[in-house]
Protein backbone atom coordinates (compact mmCIF):
# COMPACT_ATOMS: atom_id res chain seq x y z
CA UNK A 1 83.34 87.72 75.95
CA UNK A 2 83.16 91.25 74.29
CA UNK A 3 79.73 93.43 73.83
CA UNK A 4 79.39 95.65 71.20
CA UNK A 5 77.49 99.26 71.56
CA UNK A 6 76.80 102.51 70.09
CA UNK A 7 77.61 105.25 72.57
CA UNK A 8 77.99 109.18 71.70
CA UNK A 9 80.64 111.10 73.53
CA UNK A 10 81.84 115.08 72.93
CA UNK A 11 83.96 115.79 70.54
CA UNK A 12 86.40 116.95 72.47
CA UNK A 13 86.44 113.40 74.21
CA UNK A 14 86.44 111.74 71.11
CA UNK A 15 89.58 113.97 69.84
CA UNK A 16 91.46 113.09 73.02
CA UNK A 17 90.89 109.74 72.42
CA UNK A 18 91.01 109.58 68.73
CA UNK A 19 95.00 111.03 69.32
CA UNK A 20 95.71 108.93 72.01
CA UNK A 21 95.34 105.68 69.33
CA UNK A 22 97.13 108.74 67.31
CA UNK A 23 100.38 108.83 69.32
CA UNK A 24 100.44 105.09 70.68
CA UNK A 25 99.13 105.78 73.57
CA UNK A 26 95.85 103.46 72.85
CA UNK A 27 95.68 100.78 69.76
CA UNK A 28 91.84 101.49 68.84
CA UNK A 29 88.53 103.88 70.10
CA UNK A 30 87.53 100.78 72.05
CA UNK A 31 91.16 99.48 73.70
CA UNK A 32 90.73 103.28 74.57
CA UNK A 33 87.35 103.48 76.49
CA UNK A 34 87.88 100.53 78.17
CA UNK A 35 90.36 100.41 79.29
CA UNK A 36 89.35 104.01 80.68
CA UNK A 37 86.81 102.87 82.50
CA UNK A 38 88.14 99.70 83.30
CA UNK A 39 90.46 102.80 85.43
CA UNK A 40 87.76 103.89 86.50
CA UNK A 41 85.86 100.88 88.46
CA UNK A 42 89.53 100.13 90.46
CA UNK A 43 89.00 103.90 91.17
CA UNK A 44 85.99 103.73 92.87
CA UNK A 45 86.45 100.23 94.10
CA UNK A 46 89.87 101.86 96.09
CA UNK A 47 87.50 104.20 96.96
CA UNK A 48 84.24 102.32 98.41
CA UNK A 49 87.61 99.95 100.14
CA UNK A 50 89.26 103.81 101.44
CA UNK A 51 85.45 104.89 102.78
CA UNK A 52 85.64 101.49 104.57
CA UNK A 53 87.94 101.63 105.91
CA UNK A 54 87.74 104.89 107.57
CA UNK A 55 84.15 104.05 108.60
CA UNK A 56 85.48 101.58 110.79
CA UNK A 57 89.01 102.43 112.43
CA UNK A 58 87.59 106.70 111.80
CA UNK A 59 90.31 108.12 109.67
CA UNK A 60 93.51 108.69 109.77
CA UNK A 61 94.07 111.72 113.02
CA UNK A 62 95.51 115.30 111.46
CA UNK A 63 98.63 113.84 113.12
CA UNK A 64 98.50 111.14 110.53
CA UNK A 65 97.85 113.43 108.18
CA UNK A 66 100.49 115.99 108.29
CA UNK A 67 103.08 113.13 109.25
CA UNK A 68 102.27 111.73 105.43
CA UNK A 69 102.61 115.59 103.95
CA UNK A 70 105.58 115.86 105.75
CA UNK A 71 107.07 111.92 104.49
CA UNK A 72 105.18 113.11 100.96
CA UNK A 73 107.66 116.63 100.91
CA UNK A 74 104.64 117.94 100.60
CA UNK A 75 105.32 120.70 103.53
């Protein structure tokens, strides 16, 4: 199901969305906005999951973080 709504966007956000459509990175303004909102929801769901995991396990130690930075080539 799809529901039609009216929204207001800052000019620079609308220009960016129109550019994405023009450049072929989105099929339409509605498609661009729908995809962006879906990606935002997925990010928020992941953030909630990670917060829940950290609350349950206490989160990674500083040694764990150091290992991850090394493994990713950040240090």
